[in-house]
Amino acid sequence: MSRFPADTPVRRVLAFAAHPDDIDFGAAGTLAKWADQGA
């Protein structure tokens, strides 16, 4: 069950990783979606 309300505004996102490529394996699709929405 999601704890993140669908109408939550996401204007700025800061993603952390240990190594180059970690973010892309873990979250690049979600980050691309947010970027397309103007974040």
ModelCIF file with pLDDT and N, C-alpha, C, O atoms, coordinates in Angstrom:
data_MODEL
#
_entry.id   MODEL 
#
_entity.id                         1 
_entity.type                       polymer 
_entity.pdbx_number_of_molecules   1 
#
_entity_poly.entity_id                      1 
_entity_poly.type                           'polypeptide(L)' 
_entity_poly.nstd_linkage                   no 
_entity_poly.nstd_monomer                   no 
_entity_poly.pdbx_seq_one_letter_code       MSRFPADTPVRRVLAFAAHPDDIDFGAAGTLAKWADQGA 
_entity_poly.pdbx_seq_one_letter_code_can   MSRFPADTPVRRVLAFAAHPDDIDFGAAGTLAKWADQGA 
_entity_poly.pdbx_strand_id                 A 
#
loop_
_entity_poly_seq.entity_id 
_entity_poly_seq.num 
_entity_poly_seq.mon_id 
_entity_poly_seq.hetero 
1 1  MET n 
1 2  SER n 
1 3  ARG n 
1 4  PHE n 
1 5  PRO n 
1 6  ALA n 
1 7  ASP n 
1 8  THR n 
1 9  PRO n 
1 10 VAL n 
1 11 ARG n 
1 12 ARG n 
1 13 VAL n 
1 14 LEU n 
1 15 ALA n 
1 16 PHE n 
1 17 ALA n 
1 18 ALA n 
1 19 HIS n 
1 20 PRO n 
1 21 ASP n 
1 22 ASP n 
1 23 ILE n 
1 24 ASP n 
1 25 PHE n 
1 26 GLY n 
1 27 ALA n 
1 28 ALA n 
1 29 GLY n 
1 30 THR n 
1 31 LEU n 
1 32 ALA n 
1 33 LYS n 
1 34 TRP n 
1 35 ALA n 
1 36 ASP n 
1 37 GLN n 
1 38 GLY n 
1 39 ALA n 
#
_struct_asym.id          A 
_struct_asym.entity_id   1 
#
loop_
_ma_qa_metric.id 
_ma_qa_metric.mode 
_ma_qa_metric.name 
_ma_qa_metric.software_group_id 
_ma_qa_metric.type 
1 global pLDDT . pLDDT 
2 local  pLDDT . pLDDT 
#
_ma_qa_metric_global.metric_id      1 
_ma_qa_metric_global.metric_value   93.69 
_ma_qa_metric_global.model_id       1 
_ma_qa_metric_global.ordinal_id     1 
#
loop_
_ma_qa_metric_local.label_asym_id 
_ma_qa_metric_local.label_comp_id 
_ma_qa_metric_local.label_seq_id 
_ma_qa_metric_local.metric_id 
_ma_qa_metric_local.metric_value 
_ma_qa_metric_local.model_id 
_ma_qa_metric_local.ordinal_id 
A MET 1  2 50.00 1 1  
A SER 2  2 61.00 1 2  
A ARG 3  2 78.00 1 3  
A PHE 4  2 91.00 1 4  
A PRO 5  2 90.00 1 5  
A ALA 6  2 88.00 1 6  
A ASP 7  2 90.00 1 7  
A THR 8  2 94.00 1 8  
A PRO 9  2 93.00 1 9  
A VAL 10 2 97.00 1 10 
A ARG 11 2 98.00 1 11 
A ARG 12 2 98.00 1 12 
A VAL 13 2 98.00 1 13 
A LEU 14 2 99.00 1 14 
A ALA 15 2 98.00 1 15 
A PHE 16 2 98.00 1 16 
A ALA 17 2 98.00 1 17 
A ALA 18 2 97.00 1 18 
A HIS 19 2 96.00 1 19 
A PRO 20 2 94.00 1 20 
A ASP 21 2 93.00 1 21 
A ASP 22 2 96.00 1 22 
A ILE 23 2 97.00 1 23 
A ASP 24 2 96.00 1 24 
A PHE 25 2 96.00 1 25 
A GLY 26 2 97.00 1 26 
A ALA 27 2 98.00 1 27 
A ALA 28 2 98.00 1 28 
A GLY 29 2 98.00 1 29 
A THR 30 2 98.00 1 30 
A LEU 31 2 98.00 1 31 
A ALA 32 2 98.00 1 32 
A LYS 33 2 98.00 1 33 
A TRP 34 2 98.00 1 34 
A ALA 35 2 98.00 1 35 
A ASP 36 2 98.00 1 36 
A GLN 37 2 97.00 1 37 
A GLY 38 2 98.00 1 38 
A ALA 39 2 98.00 1 39 
#
loop_
_atom_site.group_PDB 
_atom_site.id 
_atom_site.type_symbol 
_atom_site.label_atom_id 
_atom_site.label_alt_id 
_atom_site.label_comp_id 
_atom_site.label_asym_id 
_atom_site.label_entity_id 
_atom_site.label_seq_id 
_atom_site.pdbx_PDB_ins_code 
_atom_site.Cartn_x 
_atom_site.Cartn_y 
_atom_site.Cartn_z 
_atom_site.occupancy 
_atom_site.B_iso_or_equiv 
_atom_site.pdbx_formal_charge 
_atom_site.auth_seq_id 
_atom_site.auth_comp_id 
_atom_site.auth_asym_id 
_atom_site.auth_atom_id 
_atom_site.pdbx_PDB_model_num 
ATOM 1   N N  . MET A 1 1  ? 0.848  -1.203 0.000   1.00 50.00 ? 1  MET A N  1 
ATOM 2   C CA . MET A 1 1  ? 0.000  0.000  0.000   1.00 50.00 ? 1  MET A CA 1 
ATOM 3   C C  . MET A 1 1  ? 0.874  1.240  0.000   1.00 50.00 ? 1  MET A C  1 
ATOM 4   O O  . MET A 1 1  ? 1.803  1.354  0.799   1.00 50.00 ? 1  MET A O  1 
ATOM 5   N N  . SER A 1 2  ? 0.575  2.167  -0.897  1.00 61.00 ? 2  SER A N  1 
ATOM 6   C CA . SER A 1 2  ? 1.382  3.372  -1.009  1.00 61.00 ? 2  SER A CA 1 
ATOM 7   C C  . SER A 1 2  ? 1.151  4.304  0.165   1.00 61.00 ? 2  SER A C  1 
ATOM 8   O O  . SER A 1 2  ? 0.027  4.458  0.643   1.00 61.00 ? 2  SER A O  1 
ATOM 9   N N  . ARG A 1 3  ? 2.225  4.920  0.620   1.00 78.00 ? 3  ARG A N  1 
ATOM 10  C CA . ARG A 1 3  ? 2.134  5.948  1.649   1.00 78.00 ? 3  ARG A CA 1 
ATOM 11  C C  . ARG A 1 3  ? 2.296  7.337  1.048   1.00 78.00 ? 3  ARG A C  1 
ATOM 12  O O  . ARG A 1 3  ? 2.325  8.327  1.778   1.00 78.00 ? 3  ARG A O  1 
ATOM 13  N N  . PHE A 1 4  ? 2.401  7.419  -0.269  1.00 91.00 ? 4  PHE A N  1 
ATOM 14  C CA . PHE A 1 4  ? 2.668  8.697  -0.926  1.00 91.00 ? 4  PHE A CA 1 
ATOM 15  C C  . PHE A 1 4  ? 1.422  9.146  -1.665  1.00 91.00 ? 4  PHE A C  1 
ATOM 16  O O  . PHE A 1 4  ? 1.087  8.564  -2.696  1.00 91.00 ? 4  PHE A O  1 
ATOM 17  N N  . PRO A 1 5  ? 0.719  10.170 -1.169  1.00 90.00 ? 5  PRO A N  1 
ATOM 18  C CA . PRO A 1 5  ? -0.515 10.610 -1.834  1.00 90.00 ? 5  PRO A CA 1 
ATOM 19  C C  . PRO A 1 5  ? -0.263 11.026 -3.279  1.00 90.00 ? 5  PRO A C  1 
ATOM 20  O O  . PRO A 1 5  ? 0.728  11.691 -3.581  1.00 90.00 ? 5  PRO A O  1 
ATOM 21  N N  . ALA A 1 6  ? -1.160 10.632 -4.155  1.00 88.00 ? 6  ALA A N  1 
ATOM 22  C CA . ALA A 1 6  ? -0.966 10.874 -5.588  1.00 88.00 ? 6  ALA A CA 1 
ATOM 23  C C  . ALA A 1 6  ? -0.916 12.351 -5.932  1.00 88.00 ? 6  ALA A C  1 
ATOM 24  O O  . ALA A 1 6  ? -0.301 12.734 -6.928  1.00 88.00 ? 6  ALA A O  1 
ATOM 25  N N  . ASP A 1 7  ? -1.556 13.190 -5.119  1.00 90.00 ? 7  ASP A N  1 
ATOM 26  C CA . ASP A 1 7  ? -1.594 14.620 -5.425  1.00 90.00 ? 7  ASP A CA 1 
ATOM 27  C C  . ASP A 1 7  ? -0.471 15.410 -4.755  1.00 90.00 ? 7  ASP A C  1 
ATOM 28  O O  . ASP A 1 7  ? -0.520 16.639 -4.721  1.00 90.00 ? 7  ASP A O  1 
ATOM 29  N N  . THR A 1 8  ? 0.541  14.718 -4.221  1.00 94.00 ? 8  THR A N  1 
ATOM 30  C CA . THR A 1 8  ? 1.655  15.399 -3.571  1.00 94.00 ? 8  THR A CA 1 
ATOM 31  C C  . THR A 1 8  ? 2.483  16.169 -4.600  1.00 94.00 ? 8  THR A C  1 
ATOM 32  O O  . THR A 1 8  ? 2.950  15.568 -5.568  1.00 94.00 ? 8  THR A O  1 
ATOM 33  N N  . PRO A 1 9  ? 2.678  17.470 -4.426  1.00 93.00 ? 9  PRO A N  1 
ATOM 34  C CA . PRO A 1 9  ? 3.494  18.223 -5.399  1.00 93.00 ? 9  PRO A CA 1 
ATOM 35  C C  . PRO A 1 9  ? 4.969  17.856 -5.271  1.00 93.00 ? 9  PRO A C  1 
ATOM 36  O O  . PRO A 1 9  ? 5.512  17.800 -4.168  1.00 93.00 ? 9  PRO A O  1 
ATOM 37  N N  . VAL A 1 10 ? 5.604  17.608 -6.402  1.00 97.00 ? 10 VAL A N  1 
ATOM 38  C CA . VAL A 1 10 ? 7.039  17.312 -6.424  1.00 97.00 ? 10 VAL A CA 1 
ATOM 39  C C  . VAL A 1 10 ? 7.695  18.331 -7.352  1.00 97.00 ? 10 VAL A C  1 
ATOM 40  O O  . VAL A 1 10 ? 7.633  18.212 -8.575  1.00 97.00 ? 10 VAL A O  1 
ATOM 41  N N  . ARG A 1 11 ? 8.317  19.323 -6.748  1.00 98.00 ? 11 ARG A N  1 
ATOM 42  C CA . ARG A 1 11 ? 8.945  20.404 -7.521  1.00 98.00 ? 11 ARG A CA 1 
ATOM 43  C C  . ARG A 1 11 ? 10.462 20.253 -7.600  1.00 98.00 ? 11 ARG A C  1 
ATOM 44  O O  . ARG A 1 11 ? 11.073 20.587 -8.615  1.00 98.00 ? 11 ARG A O  1 
ATOM 45  N N  . ARG A 1 12 ? 11.059 19.752 -6.531  1.00 98.00 ? 12 ARG A N  1 
ATOM 46  C CA . ARG A 1 12 ? 12.510 19.558 -6.473  1.00 98.00 ? 12 ARG A CA 1 
ATOM 47  C C  . ARG A 1 12 ? 12.806 18.193 -5.868  1.00 98.00 ? 12 ARG A C  1 
ATOM 48  O O  . ARG A 1 12 ? 12.212 17.796 -4.866  1.00 98.00 ? 12 ARG A O  1 
ATOM 49  N N  . VAL A 1 13 ? 13.737 17.485 -6.499  1.00 98.00 ? 13 VAL A N  1 
ATOM 50  C CA . VAL A 1 13 ? 14.115 16.137 -6.062  1.00 98.00 ? 13 VAL A CA 1 
ATOM 51  C C  . VAL A 1 13 ? 15.633 16.062 -5.977  1.00 98.00 ? 13 VAL A C  1 
ATOM 52  O O  . VAL A 1 13 ? 16.339 16.548 -6.861  1.00 98.00 ? 13 VAL A O  1 
ATOM 53  N N  . LEU A 1 14 ? 16.126 15.452 -4.908  1.00 99.00 ? 14 LEU A N  1 
ATOM 54  C CA . LEU A 1 14 ? 17.562 15.252 -4.730  1.00 99.00 ? 14 LEU A CA 1 
ATOM 55  C C  . LEU A 1 14 ? 17.798 13.767 -4.503  1.00 99.00 ? 14 LEU A C  1 
ATOM 56  O O  . LEU A 1 14 ? 17.355 13.207 -3.500  1.00 99.00 ? 14 LEU A O  1 
ATOM 57  N N  . ALA A 1 15 ? 18.499 13.131 -5.437  1.00 98.00 ? 15 ALA A N  1 
ATOM 58  C CA . ALA A 1 15 ? 18.723 11.686 -5.400  1.00 98.00 ? 15 ALA A CA 1 
ATOM 59  C C  . ALA A 1 15 ? 20.181 11.380 -5.076  1.00 98.00 ? 15 ALA A C  1 
ATOM 60  O O  . ALA A 1 15 ? 21.093 11.896 -5.722  1.00 98.00 ? 15 ALA A O  1 
ATOM 61  N N  . PHE A 1 16 ? 20.388 10.539 -4.072  1.00 98.00 ? 16 PHE A N  1 
ATOM 62  C CA . PHE A 1 16 ? 21.727 10.162 -3.631  1.00 98.00 ? 16 PHE A CA 1 
ATOM 63  C C  . PHE A 1 16 ? 22.044 8.730  -4.040  1.00 98.00 ? 16 PHE A C  1 
ATOM 64  O O  . PHE A 1 16 ? 21.162 7.874  -4.115  1.00 98.00 ? 16 PHE A O  1 
ATOM 65  N N  . ALA A 1 17 ? 23.329 8.491  -4.302  1.00 98.00 ? 17 ALA A N  1 
ATOM 66  C CA . ALA A 1 17 ? 23.804 7.147  -4.623  1.00 98.00 ? 17 ALA A CA 1 
ATOM 67  C C  . ALA A 1 17 ? 25.222 6.982  -4.113  1.00 98.00 ? 17 ALA A C  1 
ATOM 68  O O  . ALA A 1 17 ? 25.937 7.960  -3.893  1.00 98.00 ? 17 ALA A O  1 
ATOM 69  N N  . ALA A 1 18 ? 25.616 5.745  -3.931  1.00 97.00 ? 18 ALA A N  1 
ATOM 70  C CA . ALA A 1 18 ? 26.994 5.466  -3.544  1.00 97.00 ? 18 ALA A CA 1 
ATOM 71  C C  . ALA A 1 18 ? 27.930 5.582  -4.736  1.00 97.00 ? 18 ALA A C  1 
ATOM 72  O O  . ALA A 1 18 ? 29.009 6.162  -4.621  1.00 97.00 ? 18 ALA A O  1 
ATOM 73  N N  . HIS A 1 19 ? 27.528 5.035  -5.887  1.00 96.00 ? 19 HIS A N  1 
ATOM 74  C CA . HIS A 1 19 ? 28.400 4.940  -7.062  1.00 96.00 ? 19 HIS A CA 1 
ATOM 75  C C  . HIS A 1 19 ? 27.698 5.486  -8.304  1.00 96.00 ? 19 HIS A C  1 
ATOM 76  O O  . HIS A 1 19 ? 26.468 5.523  -8.355  1.00 96.00 ? 19 HIS A O  1 
ATOM 77  N N  . PRO A 1 20 ? 28.474 5.910  -9.308  1.00 94.00 ? 20 PRO A N  1 
ATOM 78  C CA . PRO A 1 20 ? 27.877 6.175  -10.615 1.00 94.00 ? 20 PRO A CA 1 
ATOM 79  C C  . PRO A 1 20 ? 27.165 4.904  -11.099 1.00 94.00 ? 20 PRO A C  1 
ATOM 80  O O  . PRO A 1 20 ? 27.727 3.813  -10.992 1.00 94.00 ? 20 PRO A O  1 
ATOM 81  N N  . ASP A 1 21 ? 26.000 5.018  -11.604 1.00 93.00 ? 21 ASP A N  1 
ATOM 82  C CA . ASP A 1 21 ? 25.071 4.020  -12.149 1.00 93.00 ? 21 ASP A CA 1 
ATOM 83  C C  . ASP A 1 21 ? 24.035 3.538  -11.147 1.00 93.00 ? 21 ASP A C  1 
ATOM 84  O O  . ASP A 1 21 ? 23.017 2.988  -11.566 1.00 93.00 ? 21 ASP A O  1 
ATOM 85  N N  . ASP A 1 22 ? 24.239 3.714  -9.839  1.00 96.00 ? 22 ASP A N  1 
ATOM 86  C CA . ASP A 1 22 ? 23.266 3.233  -8.850  1.00 96.00 ? 22 ASP A CA 1 
ATOM 87  C C  . ASP A 1 22 ? 21.901 3.887  -9.039  1.00 96.00 ? 22 ASP A C  1 
ATOM 88  O O  . ASP A 1 22 ? 20.876 3.206  -9.012  1.00 96.00 ? 22 ASP A O  1 
ATOM 89  N N  . ILE A 1 23 ? 21.885 5.197  -9.229  1.00 97.00 ? 23 ILE A N  1 
ATOM 90  C CA . ILE A 1 23 ? 20.613 5.905  -9.396  1.00 97.00 ? 23 ILE A CA 1 
ATOM 91  C C  . ILE A 1 23 ? 19.873 5.394  -10.623 1.00 97.00 ? 23 ILE A C  1 
ATOM 92  O O  . ILE A 1 23 ? 18.652 5.240  -10.594 1.00 97.00 ? 23 ILE A O  1 
ATOM 93  N N  . ASP A 1 24 ? 20.604 5.132  -11.697 1.00 96.00 ? 24 ASP A N  1 
ATOM 94  C CA . ASP A 1 24 ? 19.954 4.732  -12.942 1.00 96.00 ? 24 ASP A CA 1 
ATOM 95  C C  . ASP A 1 24 ? 19.333 3.350  -12.830 1.00 96.00 ? 24 ASP A C  1 
ATOM 96  O O  . ASP A 1 24 ? 18.254 3.111  -13.373 1.00 96.00 ? 24 ASP A O  1 
ATOM 97  N N  . PHE A 1 25 ? 20.000 2.435  -12.131 1.00 96.00 ? 25 PHE A N  1 
ATOM 98  C CA . PHE A 1 25 ? 19.401 1.128  -11.886 1.00 96.00 ? 25 PHE A CA 1 
ATOM 99  C C  . PHE A 1 25 ? 18.195 1.245  -10.960 1.00 96.00 ? 25 PHE A C  1 
ATOM 100 O O  . PHE A 1 25 ? 17.184 0.576  -11.176 1.00 96.00 ? 25 PHE A O  1 
ATOM 101 N N  . GLY A 1 26 ? 18.287 2.086  -9.934  1.00 97.00 ? 26 GLY A N  1 
ATOM 102 C CA . GLY A 1 26 ? 17.264 2.100  -8.902  1.00 97.00 ? 26 GLY A CA 1 
ATOM 103 C C  . GLY A 1 26 ? 16.069 2.980  -9.161  1.00 97.00 ? 26 GLY A C  1 
ATOM 104 O O  . GLY A 1 26 ? 14.958 2.645  -8.751  1.00 97.00 ? 26 GLY A O  1 
ATOM 105 N N  . ALA A 1 27 ? 16.271 4.121  -9.844  1.00 98.00 ? 27 ALA A N  1 
ATOM 106 C CA . ALA A 1 27 ? 15.194 5.111  -9.835  1.00 98.00 ? 27 ALA A CA 1 
ATOM 107 C C  . ALA A 1 27 ? 15.110 5.982  -11.079 1.00 98.00 ? 27 ALA A C  1 
ATOM 108 O O  . ALA A 1 27 ? 14.354 6.954  -11.078 1.00 98.00 ? 27 ALA A O  1 
ATOM 109 N N  . ALA A 1 28 ? 15.852 5.677  -12.144 1.00 98.00 ? 28 ALA A N  1 
ATOM 110 C CA . ALA A 1 28 ? 15.889 6.585  -13.295 1.00 98.00 ? 28 ALA A CA 1 
ATOM 111 C C  . ALA A 1 28 ? 14.529 6.770  -13.951 1.00 98.00 ? 28 ALA A C  1 
ATOM 112 O O  . ALA A 1 28 ? 14.231 7.858  -14.445 1.00 98.00 ? 28 ALA A O  1 
ATOM 113 N N  . GLY A 1 29 ? 13.701 5.737  -13.966 1.00 98.00 ? 29 GLY A N  1 
ATOM 114 C CA . GLY A 1 29 ? 12.385 5.879  -14.584 1.00 98.00 ? 29 GLY A CA 1 
ATOM 115 C C  . GLY A 1 29 ? 11.505 6.849  -13.828 1.00 98.00 ? 29 GLY A C  1 
ATOM 116 O O  . GLY A 1 29 ? 10.840 7.690  -14.431 1.00 98.00 ? 29 GLY A O  1 
ATOM 117 N N  . THR A 1 30 ? 11.498 6.737  -12.505 1.00 98.00 ? 30 THR A N  1 
ATOM 118 C CA . THR A 1 30 ? 10.710 7.635  -11.669 1.00 98.00 ? 30 THR A CA 1 
ATOM 119 C C  . THR A 1 30 ? 11.225 9.062  -11.779 1.00 98.00 ? 30 THR A C  1 
ATOM 120 O O  . THR A 1 30 ? 10.437 10.005 -11.854 1.00 98.00 ? 30 THR A O  1 
ATOM 121 N N  . LEU A 1 31 ? 12.540 9.224  -11.791 1.00 98.00 ? 31 LEU A N  1 
ATOM 122 C CA . LEU A 1 31 ? 13.129 10.556 -11.911 1.00 98.00 ? 31 LEU A CA 1 
ATOM 123 C C  . LEU A 1 31 ? 12.833 11.169 -13.269 1.00 98.00 ? 31 LEU A C  1 
ATOM 124 O O  . LEU A 1 31 ? 12.584 12.370 -13.365 1.00 98.00 ? 31 LEU A O  1 
ATOM 125 N N  . ALA A 1 32 ? 12.858 10.356 -14.320 1.00 98.00 ? 32 ALA A N  1 
ATOM 126 C CA . ALA A 1 32 ? 12.506 10.854 -15.653 1.00 98.00 ? 32 ALA A CA 1 
ATOM 127 C C  . ALA A 1 32 ? 11.046 11.311 -15.700 1.00 98.00 ? 32 ALA A C  1 
ATOM 128 O O  . ALA A 1 32 ? 10.728 12.326 -16.319 1.00 98.00 ? 32 ALA A O  1 
ATOM 129 N N  . LYS A 1 33 ? 10.164 10.559 -15.044 1.00 98.00 ? 33 LYS A N  1 
ATOM 130 C CA . LYS A 1 33 ? 8.751  10.930 -14.993 1.00 98.00 ? 33 LYS A CA 1 
ATOM 131 C C  . LYS A 1 33 ? 8.591  12.284 -14.307 1.00 98.00 ? 33 LYS A C  1 
ATOM 132 O O  . LYS A 1 33 ? 7.881  13.157 -14.806 1.00 98.00 ? 33 LYS A O  1 
ATOM 133 N N  . TRP A 1 34 ? 9.255  12.457 -13.158 1.00 98.00 ? 34 TRP A N  1 
ATOM 134 C CA . TRP A 1 34 ? 9.171  13.729 -12.444 1.00 98.00 ? 34 TRP A CA 1 
ATOM 135 C C  . TRP A 1 34 ? 9.761  14.880 -13.265 1.00 98.00 ? 34 TRP A C  1 
ATOM 136 O O  . TRP A 1 34 ? 9.200  15.975 -13.310 1.00 98.00 ? 34 TRP A O  1 
ATOM 137 N N  . ALA A 1 35 ? 10.900 14.614 -13.913 1.00 98.00 ? 35 ALA A N  1 
ATOM 138 C CA . ALA A 1 35 ? 11.518 15.656 -14.747 1.00 98.00 ? 35 ALA A CA 1 
ATOM 139 C C  . ALA A 1 35 ? 10.567 16.088 -15.855 1.00 98.00 ? 35 ALA A C  1 
ATOM 140 O O  . ALA A 1 35 ? 10.456 17.280 -16.145 1.00 98.00 ? 35 ALA A O  1 
ATOM 141 N N  . ASP A 1 36 ? 9.878  15.130 -16.479 1.00 98.00 ? 36 ASP A N  1 
ATOM 142 C CA . ASP A 1 36 ? 8.932  15.448 -17.542 1.00 98.00 ? 36 ASP A CA 1 
ATOM 143 C C  . ASP A 1 36 ? 7.765  16.278 -17.017 1.00 98.00 ? 36 ASP A C  1 
ATOM 144 O O  . ASP A 1 36 ? 7.167  17.060 -17.756 1.00 98.00 ? 36 ASP A O  1 
ATOM 145 N N  . GLN A 1 37 ? 7.448  16.103 -15.743 1.00 97.00 ? 37 GLN A N  1 
ATOM 146 C CA . GLN A 1 37 ? 6.348  16.847 -15.128 1.00 97.00 ? 37 GLN A CA 1 
ATOM 147 C C  . GLN A 1 37 ? 6.785  18.218 -14.630 1.00 97.00 ? 37 GLN A C  1 
ATOM 148 O O  . GLN A 1 37 ? 5.982  18.960 -14.063 1.00 97.00 ? 37 GLN A O  1 
ATOM 149 N N  . GLY A 1 38 ? 8.063  18.560 -14.839 1.00 98.00 ? 38 GLY A N  1 
ATOM 150 C CA . GLY A 1 38 ? 8.543  19.890 -14.502 1.00 98.00 ? 38 GLY A CA 1 
ATOM 151 C C  . GLY A 1 38 ? 9.365  19.982 -13.241 1.00 98.00 ? 38 GLY A C  1 
ATOM 152 O O  . GLY A 1 38 ? 9.769  21.079 -12.855 1.00 98.00 ? 38 GLY A O  1 
ATOM 153 N N  . ALA A 1 39 ? 9.630  18.850 -12.577 1.00 98.00 ? 39 ALA A N  1 
ATOM 154 C CA . ALA A 1 39 ? 10.432 18.887 -11.357 1.00 98.00 ? 39 ALA A CA 1 
ATOM 155 C C  . ALA A 1 39 ? 11.901 19.133 -11.694 1.00 98.00 ? 39 ALA A C  1 
ATOM 156 O O  . ALA A 1 39 ? 12.738 19.197 -10.795 1.00 98.00 ? 39 ALA A O  1 
#
